[in-house]
Amino acid sequence: MGFRRGHLYYFVTVAEEGQITRAAQKLHIAQPALSHAMTQLEGEVGIQLFERHPRGVTLTPAGKAFLAKARAACVAESDAARTAEALARSTRGTLAVGFIGPPPSLSHPELLAALAADYPELEVSFQDLPFPCGATADWLAAVDVAICVAPRVEEGVCTRAIRIEPRALVASRSHPLADRGELGVADVLDETFVSYHPDVQQEWAGFHSLDDHRGSAPSSVTGDQALTSMHMLAVMSSGHAVTTVPLADALVAKQVVPGAAVIPLADADPARVSLVWCQDSPNRHVASLLATAERLGPGPNGATRPVRAQARHSR
């Protein structure tokens, strides 16, 4: 029995949303087309998958049993497609590098220059990633390796620190703390912090809100929930909230948002900006990047060159 490409994915989305209209909006297709696709799928499998009612749809017992297999099939199809894309990049001599925050050409020019010198035939492409959501391996799926504050480490996911540096508070120049040359963690724990989308990994979001020092989430956060670096900067620049990021990233962000102030946090645990990749990555050029990072001179914690806070504050 064969299904039209995409019908299983449509089915999973409708089942999760519980409503054809909402699922159609998420899938960016017309509602009548999605309804027709679900009717076709039920005809192909020979069973009723949904109970239709005015408020939406619910799965029948058969639909619930079918959902588990449909999800597995969708995951397998996605994994196969991503593996094929990575193998194709490897064959072409291309490495897809994702990043959160400043582009690597600004935040890690020495690493890229060394990589080009070590492997002159290697082509590097870049992708601006949203904040880590869901499983880390799934978040990495579109790239071969990412450069960022490390997301949640899971089985099969590897990280290697390439920069260890202080954290800095980023705030609007209108914020009461903006004139300070340096701050301690205790000075900012009760501030209003940028809120993150609920899908963002809690550990990763919490690092930027100093949850690791507070022991809990901030008591005051923004109504806007950031999912990307630029969204986070937009929320911060409103003047009502602060966030913390690695110091070098903060200084680059200040160039992008002239109305931002950057204040080093003297006693915050340092940020570890890392290479993050899947251990079973089919792109052999990941090893080339790791070899270059190693050649640059890793310190005892696996970092290349720590960034120091002194004389770096500016408004």
C-alpha atoms as a PDB file:
ATOM      1  CA  MET A   1       0.000   0.000   0.000  1.00  0.00           C
ATOM      2  CA  GLY A   2       1.404   3.383  -0.968  1.00  0.00           C
ATOM      3  CA  PHE A   3       0.584   6.850   0.309  1.00  0.00           C
ATOM      4  CA  ARG A   4       0.952  10.119  -1.473  1.00  0.00           C
ATOM      5  CA  ARG A   5       4.085  11.922  -0.329  1.00  0.00           C
ATOM      6  CA  GLY A   6       3.269  14.138   2.613  1.00  0.00           C
ATOM      7  CA  HIS A   7      -0.051  12.546   3.577  1.00  0.00           C
ATOM      8  CA  LEU A   8       1.404  10.849   6.654  1.00  0.00           C
ATOM      9  CA  TYR A   9       2.997  14.117   7.767  1.00  0.00           C
ATOM     10  CA  TYR A  10      -0.309  15.889   7.214  1.00  0.00           C
ATOM     11  CA  PHE A  11      -2.064  13.230   9.273  1.00  0.00           C
ATOM     12  CA  VAL A  12       0.380  13.592  12.174  1.00  0.00           C
ATOM     13  CA  THR A  13      -0.034  17.378  12.145  1.00  0.00           C
ATOM     14  CA  VAL A  14      -3.844  17.174  12.136  1.00  0.00           C
ATOM     15  CA  ALA A  15      -3.749  14.638  14.964  1.00  0.00           C
ATOM     16  CA  GLU A  16      -1.485  16.873  17.052  1.00  0.00           C
ATOM     17  CA  GLU A  17      -3.446  20.059  16.379  1.00  0.00           C
ATOM     18  CA  GLY A  18      -6.870  18.466  16.796  1.00  0.00           C
ATOM     19  CA  GLN A  19      -8.299  20.741  14.118  1.00  0.00           C
ATOM     20  CA  ILE A  20      -8.066  20.802  10.328  1.00  0.00           C
ATOM     21  CA  THR A  21      -8.043  24.603  10.113  1.00  0.00           C
ATOM     22  CA  ARG A  22      -5.228  25.022  12.633  1.00  0.00           C
ATOM     23  CA  ALA A  23      -3.221  22.213  11.037  1.00  0.00           C
ATOM     24  CA  ALA A  24      -3.657  23.788   7.589  1.00  0.00           C
ATOM     25  CA  GLN A  25      -2.302  27.078   8.918  1.00  0.00           C
ATOM     26  CA  LYS A  26       0.709  25.315  10.416  1.00  0.00           C
ATOM     27  CA  LEU A  27       1.343  23.419   7.183  1.00  0.00           C
ATOM     28  CA  HIS A  28       0.759  26.523   5.032  1.00  0.00           C
ATOM     29  CA  ILE A  29      -1.780  24.795   2.809  1.00  0.00           C
ATOM     30  CA  ALA A  30      -5.454  25.451   2.116  1.00  0.00           C
ATOM     31  CA  GLN A  31      -7.941  23.938   4.555  1.00  0.00           C
ATOM     32  CA  PRO A  32     -10.042  22.241   1.821  1.00  0.00           C
ATOM     33  CA  ALA A  33      -6.909  20.651   0.360  1.00  0.00           C
ATOM     34  CA  LEU A  34      -5.924  19.258   3.750  1.00  0.00           C
ATOM     35  CA  SER A  35      -9.450  17.912   4.394  1.00  0.00           C
ATOM     36  CA  HIS A  36      -9.371  16.205   0.992  1.00  0.00           C
ATOM     37  CA  ALA A  37      -5.923  14.731   1.729  1.00  0.00           C
ATOM     38  CA  MET A  38      -7.179  13.228   4.994  1.00  0.00           C
ATOM     39  CA  THR A  39     -10.218  11.750   3.268  1.00  0.00           C
ATOM     40  CA  GLN A  40      -7.918  10.249   0.631  1.00  0.00           C
ATOM     41  CA  LEU A  41      -5.662   8.780   3.328  1.00  0.00           C
ATOM     42  CA  GLU A  42      -8.608   7.160   5.094  1.00  0.00           C
ATOM     43  CA  GLY A  43      -9.683   5.664   1.774  1.00  0.00           C
ATOM     44  CA  GLU A  44      -6.205   4.310   1.122  1.00  0.00           C
ATOM     45  CA  VAL A  45      -5.845   2.643   4.527  1.00  0.00           C
ATOM     46  CA  GLY A  46      -9.459   1.495   4.572  1.00  0.00           C
ATOM     47  CA  ILE A  47     -10.262   2.731   8.081  1.00  0.00           C
ATOM     48  CA  GLN A  48     -11.703   5.840   9.680  1.00  0.00           C
ATOM     49  CA  LEU A  49      -8.897   7.749  11.363  1.00  0.00           C
ATOM     50  CA  PHE A  50     -10.817  10.769  12.693  1.00  0.00           C
ATOM     51  CA  GLU A  51     -14.116  11.585  14.307  1.00  0.00           C
ATOM     52  CA  ARG A  52     -15.245  14.953  12.927  1.00  0.00           C
ATOM     53  CA  HIS A  53     -17.113  17.363  15.206  1.00  0.00           C
ATOM     54  CA  PRO A  54     -17.833  21.137  15.173  1.00  0.00           C
ATOM     55  CA  ARG A  55     -14.787  21.990  17.303  1.00  0.00           C
ATOM     56  CA  GLY A  56     -12.325  19.916  15.317  1.00  0.00           C
ATOM     57  CA  VAL A  57     -11.318  16.282  15.067  1.00  0.00           C
ATOM     58  CA  THR A  58     -10.376  13.492  17.455  1.00  0.00           C
ATOM     59  CA  LEU A  59      -8.625  10.245  16.647  1.00  0.00           C
ATOM     60  CA  THR A  60     -10.586   7.027  16.499  1.00  0.00           C
ATOM     61  CA  PRO A  61      -9.049   4.009  18.294  1.00  0.00           C
ATOM     62  CA  ALA A  62      -7.700   2.899  14.923  1.00  0.00           C
ATOM     63  CA  GLY A  63      -6.383   6.408  14.324  1.00  0.00           C
ATOM     64  CA  LYS A  64      -4.501   6.355  17.633  1.00  0.00           C
ATOM     65  CA  ALA A  65      -2.844   3.067  16.711  1.00  0.00           C
ATOM     66  CA  PHE A  66      -2.004   4.380  13.248  1.00  0.00           C
ATOM     67  CA  LEU A  67      -0.528   7.610  14.653  1.00  0.00           C
ATOM     68  CA  ALA A  68       2.415   5.858  16.342  1.00  0.00           C
ATOM     69  CA  LYS A  69       3.415   4.171  13.075  1.00  0.00           C
ATOM     70  CA  ALA A  70       2.850   7.351  11.073  1.00  0.00           C
ATOM     71  CA  ARG A  71       5.133   9.304  13.398  1.00  0.00           C
ATOM     72  CA  ALA A  72       7.840   6.669  13.098  1.00  0.00           C
ATOM     73  CA  ALA A  73       7.536   6.696   9.313  1.00  0.00           C
ATOM     74  CA  CYS A  74       7.811  10.498   9.199  1.00  0.00           C
ATOM     75  CA  VAL A  75      10.909  10.446  11.402  1.00  0.00           C
ATOM     76  CA  ALA A  76      12.508   7.731   9.273  1.00  0.00           C
ATOM     77  CA  GLU A  77      11.778   9.642   6.070  1.00  0.00           C
ATOM     78  CA  SER A  78      13.198  12.862   7.520  1.00  0.00           C
ATOM     79  CA  ASP A  79      16.308  11.076   8.798  1.00  0.00           C
ATOM     80  CA  ALA A  80      16.895   9.488   5.406  1.00  0.00           C
ATOM     81  CA  ALA A  81      16.496  12.824   3.625  1.00  0.00           C
ATOM     82  CA  ARG A  82      18.858  14.618   6.022  1.00  0.00           C
ATOM     83  CA  THR A  83      21.444  11.839   5.712  1.00  0.00           C
ATOM     84  CA  ALA A  84      21.287  12.079   1.938  1.00  0.00           C
ATOM     85  CA  GLU A  85      21.751  15.855   2.075  1.00  0.00           C
ATOM     86  CA  ALA A  86      24.758  15.531   4.400  1.00  0.00           C
ATOM     87  CA  LEU A  87      26.320  12.841   2.203  1.00  0.00           C
ATOM     88  CA  ALA A  88      25.815  15.060  -0.838  1.00  0.00           C
ATOM     89  CA  ARG A  89      27.545  17.967   0.935  1.00  0.00           C
ATOM     90  CA  SER A  90      30.403  15.680   1.910  1.00  0.00           C
ATOM     91  CA  THR A  91      30.808  14.526  -1.689  1.00  0.00           C
ATOM     92  CA  ARG A  92      30.754  18.119  -2.978  1.00  0.00           C
ATOM     93  CA  GLY A  93      33.336  19.211  -0.391  1.00  0.00           C
ATOM     94  CA  THR A  94      30.892  21.425   1.499  1.00  0.00           C
ATOM     95  CA  LEU A  95      30.423  21.891   5.247  1.00  0.00           C
ATOM     96  CA  ALA A  96      27.171  23.429   6.524  1.00  0.00           C
ATOM     97  CA  VAL A  97      27.852  25.460   9.670  1.00  0.00           C
ATOM     98  CA  GLY A  98      24.956  26.740  11.753  1.00  0.00           C
ATOM     99  CA  PHE A  99      25.285  29.508  14.299  1.00  0.00           C
ATOM    100  CA  ILE A 100      23.373  31.398  16.975  1.00  0.00           C
ATOM    101  CA  GLY A 101      24.336  35.005  17.505  1.00  0.00           C
ATOM    102  CA  PRO A 102      26.950  36.788  15.388  1.00  0.00           C
ATOM    103  CA  PRO A 103      28.017  35.151  12.111  1.00  0.00           C
ATOM    104  CA  PRO A 104      31.196  33.087  12.540  1.00  0.00           C
ATOM    105  CA  SER A 105      33.059  35.477  10.229  1.00  0.00           C
ATOM    106  CA  LEU A 106      32.666  38.078  13.003  1.00  0.00           C
ATOM    107  CA  SER A 107      32.838  35.903  16.098  1.00  0.00           C
ATOM    108  CA  HIS A 108      35.453  33.343  14.957  1.00  0.00           C
ATOM    109  CA  PRO A 109      37.455  34.811  12.054  1.00  0.00           C
ATOM    110  CA  GLU A 110      40.651  33.074  13.163  1.00  0.00           C
ATOM    111  CA  LEU A 111      38.994  29.646  13.089  1.00  0.00           C
ATOM    112  CA  LEU A 112      37.576  30.203   9.601  1.00  0.00           C
ATOM    113  CA  ALA A 113      40.867  31.578   8.280  1.00  0.00           C
ATOM    114  CA  ALA A 114      42.739  28.582   9.676  1.00  0.00           C
ATOM    115  CA  LEU A 115      40.171  26.178   8.211  1.00  0.00           C
ATOM    116  CA  ALA A 116      40.570  27.769   4.785  1.00  0.00           C
ATOM    117  CA  ALA A 117      44.357  27.480   5.061  1.00  0.00           C
ATOM    118  CA  ASP A 118      44.204  23.846   6.197  1.00  0.00           C
ATOM    119  CA  TYR A 119      41.573  22.759   3.661  1.00  0.00           C
ATOM    120  CA  PRO A 120      41.573  25.225   0.748  1.00  0.00           C
ATOM    121  CA  GLU A 121      39.195  23.076  -1.336  1.00  0.00           C
ATOM    122  CA  LEU A 122      36.546  22.975   1.387  1.00  0.00           C
ATOM    123  CA  GLU A 123      33.512  25.196   0.847  1.00  0.00           C
ATOM    124  CA  VAL A 124      31.740  26.411   3.995  1.00  0.00           C
ATOM    125  CA  SER A 125      28.104  27.494   3.983  1.00  0.00           C
ATOM    126  CA  PHE A 126      26.388  29.201   6.895  1.00  0.00           C
ATOM    127  CA  GLN A 127      22.908  29.069   8.366  1.00  0.00           C
ATOM    128  CA  ASP A 128      21.448  31.318  11.072  1.00  0.00           C
ATOM    129  CA  LEU A 129      19.758  28.901  13.477  1.00  0.00           C
ATOM    130  CA  PRO A 130      16.826  29.490  15.804  1.00  0.00           C
ATOM    131  CA  PHE A 131      17.371  28.793  19.481  1.00  0.00           C
ATOM    132  CA  PRO A 132      17.647  25.060  20.313  1.00  0.00           C
ATOM    133  CA  CYS A 133      14.214  23.442  20.496  1.00  0.00           C
ATOM    134  CA  GLY A 134      13.262  19.837  21.146  1.00  0.00           C
ATOM    135  CA  ALA A 135      15.901  17.163  20.798  1.00  0.00           C
ATOM    136  CA  THR A 136      19.351  18.566  20.075  1.00  0.00           C
ATOM    137  CA  ALA A 137      19.949  16.099  17.236  1.00  0.00           C
ATOM    138  CA  ASP A 138      16.726  17.229  15.548  1.00  0.00           C
ATOM    139  CA  TRP A 139      17.694  20.884  16.003  1.00  0.00           C
ATOM    140  CA  LEU A 140      21.040  20.160  14.300  1.00  0.00           C
ATOM    141  CA  ALA A 141      19.432  18.297  11.421  1.00  0.00           C
ATOM    142  CA  ALA A 142      19.762  21.035   8.793  1.00  0.00           C
ATOM    143  CA  VAL A 143      23.507  21.583   9.342  1.00  0.00           C
ATOM    144  CA  ASP A 144      26.645  19.520   9.879  1.00  0.00           C
ATOM    145  CA  VAL A 145      27.917  21.441  12.902  1.00  0.00           C
ATOM    146  CA  ALA A 146      26.795  24.442  14.955  1.00  0.00           C
ATOM    147  CA  ILE A 147      28.703  27.193  16.763  1.00  0.00           C
ATOM    148  CA  CYS A 148      26.901  28.477  19.853  1.00  0.00           C
ATOM    149  CA  VAL A 149      26.567  28.274  23.600  1.00  0.00           C
ATOM    150  CA  ALA A 150      26.156  24.533  23.889  1.00  0.00           C
ATOM    151  CA  PRO A 151      22.566  23.253  23.864  1.00  0.00           C
ATOM    152  CA  ARG A 152      21.407  20.275  25.892  1.00  0.00           C
ATOM    153  CA  VAL A 153      23.886  17.419  25.500  1.00  0.00           C
ATOM    154  CA  GLU A 154      22.233  14.143  24.617  1.00  0.00           C
ATOM    155  CA  GLU A 155      23.395  10.692  23.606  1.00  0.00           C
ATOM    156  CA  GLY A 156      25.016  10.880  20.204  1.00  0.00           C
ATOM    157  CA  VAL A 157      25.598  14.660  20.394  1.00  0.00           C
ATOM    158  CA  CYS A 158      29.154  15.955  20.834  1.00  0.00           C
ATOM    159  CA  THR A 159      30.421  19.352  21.929  1.00  0.00           C
ATOM    160  CA  ARG A 160      33.847  20.945  22.014  1.00  0.00           C
ATOM    161  CA  ALA A 161      34.434  24.355  23.566  1.00  0.00           C
ATOM    162  CA  ILE A 162      36.289  26.728  21.255  1.00  0.00           C
ATOM    163  CA  ARG A 163      35.908  29.898  23.341  1.00  0.00           C
ATOM    164  CA  ILE A 164      35.520  30.387  27.081  1.00  0.00           C
ATOM    165  CA  GLU A 165      34.736  33.924  28.158  1.00  0.00           C
ATOM    166  CA  PRO A 166      32.799  36.031  30.656  1.00  0.00           C
ATOM    167  CA  ARG A 167      29.099  36.635  30.329  1.00  0.00           C
ATOM    168  CA  ALA A 168      27.845  40.164  29.808  1.00  0.00           C
ATOM    169  CA  LEU A 169      24.542  41.850  30.434  1.00  0.00           C
ATOM    170  CA  VAL A 170      22.948  43.385  27.344  1.00  0.00           C
ATOM    171  CA  ALA A 171      20.424  46.141  28.008  1.00  0.00           C
ATOM    172  CA  SER A 172      19.003  49.233  26.394  1.00  0.00           C
ATOM    173  CA  ARG A 173      20.939  52.450  27.020  1.00  0.00           C
ATOM    174  CA  SER A 174      17.812  53.729  28.755  1.00  0.00           C
ATOM    175  CA  HIS A 175      18.020  50.958  31.357  1.00  0.00           C
ATOM    176  CA  PRO A 176      19.036  52.097  34.891  1.00  0.00           C
ATOM    177  CA  LEU A 177      22.028  49.706  34.870  1.00  0.00           C
ATOM    178  CA  ALA A 178      23.370  50.880  31.507  1.00  0.00           C
ATOM    179  CA  ASP A 179      25.897  53.329  33.009  1.00  0.00           C
ATOM    180  CA  ARG A 180      27.622  50.721  35.165  1.00  0.00           C
ATOM    181  CA  GLY A 181      31.115  49.696  34.105  1.00  0.00           C
ATOM    182  CA  GLU A 182      30.771  46.239  35.627  1.00  0.00           C
ATOM    183  CA  LEU A 183      28.090  44.286  37.463  1.00  0.00           C
ATOM    184  CA  GLY A 184      27.858  41.323  39.782  1.00  0.00           C
ATOM    185  CA  VAL A 185      25.301  38.573  39.384  1.00  0.00           C
ATOM    186  CA  ALA A 186      23.465  39.739  42.519  1.00  0.00           C
ATOM    187  CA  ASP A 187      22.933  43.147  40.905  1.00  0.00           C
ATOM    188  CA  VAL A 188      20.781  41.750  38.103  1.00  0.00           C
ATOM    189  CA  LEU A 189      19.018  38.595  39.303  1.00  0.00           C
ATOM    190  CA  ASP A 190      15.784  40.481  40.039  1.00  0.00           C
ATOM    191  CA  GLU A 191      15.691  42.367  36.741  1.00  0.00           C
ATOM    192  CA  THR A 192      13.106  41.672  34.043  1.00  0.00           C
ATOM    193  CA  PHE A 193      14.669  39.233  31.567  1.00  0.00           C
ATOM    194  CA  VAL A 194      13.865  38.478  27.957  1.00  0.00           C
ATOM    195  CA  SER A 195      11.452  35.550  27.831  1.00  0.00           C
ATOM    196  CA  TYR A 196      12.061  32.618  25.497  1.00  0.00           C
ATOM    197  CA  HIS A 197       9.599  30.631  23.431  1.00  0.00           C
ATOM    198  CA  PRO A 198       8.311  27.622  25.413  1.00  0.00           C
ATOM    199  CA  ASP A 199       9.787  25.248  22.819  1.00  0.00           C
ATOM    200  CA  VAL A 200      13.327  26.488  23.520  1.00  0.00           C
ATOM    201  CA  GLN A 201      15.358  24.088  25.642  1.00  0.00           C
ATOM    202  CA  GLN A 202      14.930  25.173  29.249  1.00  0.00           C
ATOM    203  CA  GLU A 203      18.597  24.680  30.135  1.00  0.00           C
ATOM    204  CA  TRP A 204      19.752  26.786  27.196  1.00  0.00           C
ATOM    205  CA  ALA A 205      17.272  29.596  27.848  1.00  0.00           C
ATOM    206  CA  GLY A 206      18.074  29.522  31.564  1.00  0.00           C
ATOM    207  CA  PHE A 207      21.755  30.104  30.918  1.00  0.00           C
ATOM    208  CA  HIS A 208      20.889  33.456  29.331  1.00  0.00           C
ATOM    209  CA  SER A 209      18.623  34.383  32.260  1.00  0.00           C
ATOM    210  CA  LEU A 210      21.179  33.408  34.938  1.00  0.00           C
ATOM    211  CA  ASP A 211      18.981  30.564  36.164  1.00  0.00           C
ATOM    212  CA  ASP A 212      22.157  28.644  36.981  1.00  0.00           C
ATOM    213  CA  HIS A 213      22.976  31.318  39.593  1.00  0.00           C
ATOM    214  CA  ARG A 214      19.445  32.032  40.760  1.00  0.00           C
ATOM    215  CA  GLY A 215      18.428  28.389  40.986  1.00  0.00           C
ATOM    216  CA  SER A 216      15.151  29.121  39.217  1.00  0.00           C
ATOM    217  CA  ALA A 217      13.628  31.095  36.354  1.00  0.00           C
ATOM    218  CA  PRO A 218      13.343  34.900  36.681  1.00  0.00           C
ATOM    219  CA  SER A 219      10.288  36.154  38.531  1.00  0.00           C
ATOM    220  CA  SER A 220       9.790  38.855  35.890  1.00  0.00           C
ATOM    221  CA  VAL A 221      10.015  38.203  32.134  1.00  0.00           C
ATOM    222  CA  THR A 222       8.711  39.853  28.985  1.00  0.00           C
ATOM    223  CA  GLY A 223       5.464  38.919  27.313  1.00  0.00           C
ATOM    224  CA  ASP A 224       7.290  38.583  24.000  1.00  0.00           C
ATOM    225  CA  GLN A 225       8.964  35.180  23.714  1.00  0.00           C
ATOM    226  CA  ALA A 226      12.132  35.139  21.636  1.00  0.00           C
ATOM    227  CA  LEU A 227      12.999  32.297  19.300  1.00  0.00           C
ATOM    228  CA  THR A 228      15.924  33.850  17.405  1.00  0.00           C
ATOM    229  CA  SER A 229      18.869  36.098  18.208  1.00  0.00           C
ATOM    230  CA  MET A 230      17.434  39.066  16.331  1.00  0.00           C
ATOM    231  CA  HIS A 231      14.086  38.662  18.083  1.00  0.00           C
ATOM    232  CA  MET A 232      15.881  38.587  21.429  1.00  0.00           C
ATOM    233  CA  LEU A 233      17.728  41.817  20.589  1.00  0.00           C
ATOM    234  CA  ALA A 234      14.478  43.442  19.480  1.00  0.00           C
ATOM    235  CA  VAL A 235      12.793  42.577  22.783  1.00  0.00           C
ATOM    236  CA  MET A 236      15.821  43.789  24.751  1.00  0.00           C
ATOM    237  CA  SER A 237      16.034  47.061  22.838  1.00  0.00           C
ATOM    238  CA  SER A 238      12.521  47.987  23.959  1.00  0.00           C
ATOM    239  CA  GLY A 239      14.169  49.073  27.204  1.00  0.00           C
ATOM    240  CA  HIS A 240      12.118  46.868  29.516  1.00  0.00           C
ATOM    241  CA  ALA A 241      14.297  43.770  29.720  1.00  0.00           C
ATOM    242  CA  VAL A 242      17.858  42.495  29.867  1.00  0.00           C
ATOM    243  CA  THR A 243      19.591  39.318  28.820  1.00  0.00           C
ATOM    244  CA  THR A 244      23.058  37.809  29.187  1.00  0.00           C
ATOM    245  CA  VAL A 245      25.252  36.433  26.407  1.00  0.00           C
ATOM    246  CA  PRO A 246      28.959  35.693  25.900  1.00  0.00           C
ATOM    247  CA  LEU A 247      30.924  38.938  26.088  1.00  0.00           C
ATOM    248  CA  ALA A 248      32.298  38.820  22.533  1.00  0.00           C
ATOM    249  CA  ASP A 249      28.808  38.178  21.163  1.00  0.00           C
ATOM    250  CA  ALA A 250      27.472  41.085  23.212  1.00  0.00           C
ATOM    251  CA  LEU A 251      30.060  43.455  21.742  1.00  0.00           C
ATOM    252  CA  VAL A 252      29.115  42.380  18.211  1.00  0.00           C
ATOM    253  CA  ALA A 253      25.425  42.774  19.052  1.00  0.00           C
ATOM    254  CA  LYS A 254      26.123  46.301  20.217  1.00  0.00           C
ATOM    255  CA  GLN A 255      27.342  47.146  16.718  1.00  0.00           C
ATOM    256  CA  VAL A 256      24.093  45.799  15.274  1.00  0.00           C
ATOM    257  CA  VAL A 257      21.915  47.562  17.862  1.00  0.00           C
ATOM    258  CA  PRO A 258      23.547  50.945  18.546  1.00  0.00           C
ATOM    259  CA  GLY A 259      21.103  51.593  21.371  1.00  0.00           C
ATOM    260  CA  ALA A 260      22.439  48.646  23.367  1.00  0.00           C
ATOM    261  CA  ALA A 261      24.729  48.804  26.389  1.00  0.00           C
ATOM    262  CA  VAL A 262      27.111  45.968  27.266  1.00  0.00           C
ATOM    263  CA  ILE A 263      28.138  45.475  30.899  1.00  0.00           C
ATOM    264  CA  PRO A 264      30.462  42.589  31.891  1.00  0.00           C
ATOM    265  CA  LEU A 265      29.296  40.346  34.732  1.00  0.00           C
ATOM    266  CA  ALA A 266      32.335  39.962  36.952  1.00  0.00           C
ATOM    267  CA  ASP A 267      31.322  36.871  38.918  1.00  0.00           C
ATOM    268  CA  ALA A 268      29.055  34.923  36.539  1.00  0.00           C
ATOM    269  CA  ASP A 269      30.163  31.456  35.530  1.00  0.00           C
ATOM    270  CA  PRO A 270      31.828  31.781  32.121  1.00  0.00           C
ATOM    271  CA  ALA A 271      30.165  31.074  28.811  1.00  0.00           C
ATOM    272  CA  ARG A 272      31.427  28.142  26.772  1.00  0.00           C
ATOM    273  CA  VAL A 273      30.940  28.759  23.068  1.00  0.00           C
ATOM    274  CA  SER A 274      31.222  25.369  21.415  1.00  0.00           C
ATOM    275  CA  LEU A 275      31.197  23.331  18.274  1.00  0.00           C
ATOM    276  CA  VAL A 276      28.175  21.025  18.427  1.00  0.00           C
ATOM    277  CA  TRP A 277      27.672  18.063  16.093  1.00  0.00           C
ATOM    278  CA  CYS A 278      26.122  14.613  15.890  1.00  0.00           C
ATOM    279  CA  GLN A 279      28.585  11.810  16.492  1.00  0.00           C
ATOM    280  CA  ASP A 280      27.281   9.843  13.505  1.00  0.00           C
ATOM    281  CA  SER A 281      27.418  12.789  11.104  1.00  0.00           C
ATOM    282  CA  PRO A 282      27.883  11.427   7.572  1.00  0.00           C
ATOM    283  CA  ASN A 283      29.820  14.520   6.482  1.00  0.00           C
ATOM    284  CA  ARG A 284      33.513  13.701   6.777  1.00  0.00           C
ATOM    285  CA  HIS A 285      34.426  17.388   6.732  1.00  0.00           C
ATOM    286  CA  VAL A 286      33.225  17.812  10.329  1.00  0.00           C
ATOM    287  CA  ALA A 287      36.470  16.075  11.278  1.00  0.00           C
ATOM    288  CA  SER A 288      38.388  18.698   9.281  1.00  0.00           C
ATOM    289  CA  LEU A 289      36.856  21.530  11.296  1.00  0.00           C
ATOM    290  CA  LEU A 290      37.581  19.714  14.554  1.00  0.00           C
ATOM    291  CA  ALA A 291      41.187  19.138  13.502  1.00  0.00           C
ATOM    292  CA  THR A 292      41.644  22.831  12.754  1.00  0.00           C
ATOM    293  CA  ALA A 293      40.097  23.832  16.081  1.00  0.00           C
ATOM    294  CA  GLU A 294      42.521  21.458  17.784  1.00  0.00           C
ATOM    295  CA  ARG A 295      45.485  22.900  15.890  1.00  0.00           C
ATOM    296  CA  LEU A 296      44.676  26.410  17.085  1.00  0.00           C
ATOM    297  CA  GLY A 297      45.814  25.394  20.530  1.00  0.00           C
ATOM    298  CA  PRO A 298      43.105  24.118  22.867  1.00  0.00           C
ATOM    299  CA  GLY A 299      43.533  24.887  26.522  1.00  0.00           C
ATOM    300  CA  PRO A 300      42.844  22.490  29.391  1.00  0.00           C
ATOM    301  CA  ASN A 301      39.083  22.961  28.974  1.00  0.00           C
ATOM    302  CA  GLY A 302      39.130  22.471  25.214  1.00  0.00           C
ATOM    303  CA  ALA A 303      38.928  26.182  24.394  1.00  0.00           C
ATOM    304  CA  THR A 304      41.031  27.967  21.828  1.00  0.00           C
ATOM    305  CA  ARG A 305      41.572  31.434  23.291  1.00  0.00           C
ATOM    306  CA  PRO A 306      39.541  32.719  26.219  1.00  0.00           C
ATOM    307  CA  VAL A 307      38.143  36.234  25.804  1.00  0.00           C
ATOM    308  CA  ARG A 308      38.890  38.475  28.770  1.00  0.00           C
ATOM    309  CA  ALA A 309      36.565  41.105  30.161  1.00  0.00           C
ATOM    310  CA  GLN A 310      39.021  43.861  31.005  1.00  0.00           C
ATOM    311  CA  ALA A 311      38.949  47.005  28.865  1.00  0.00           C
ATOM    312  CA  ARG A 312      36.124  45.592  26.764  1.00  0.00           C
ATOM    313  CA  HIS A 313      33.178  47.573  28.151  1.00  0.00           C
ATOM    314  CA  SER A 314      31.804  50.350  25.997  1.00  0.00           C
ATOM    315  CA  ARG A 315      28.555  52.167  25.493  1.00  0.00           C
END
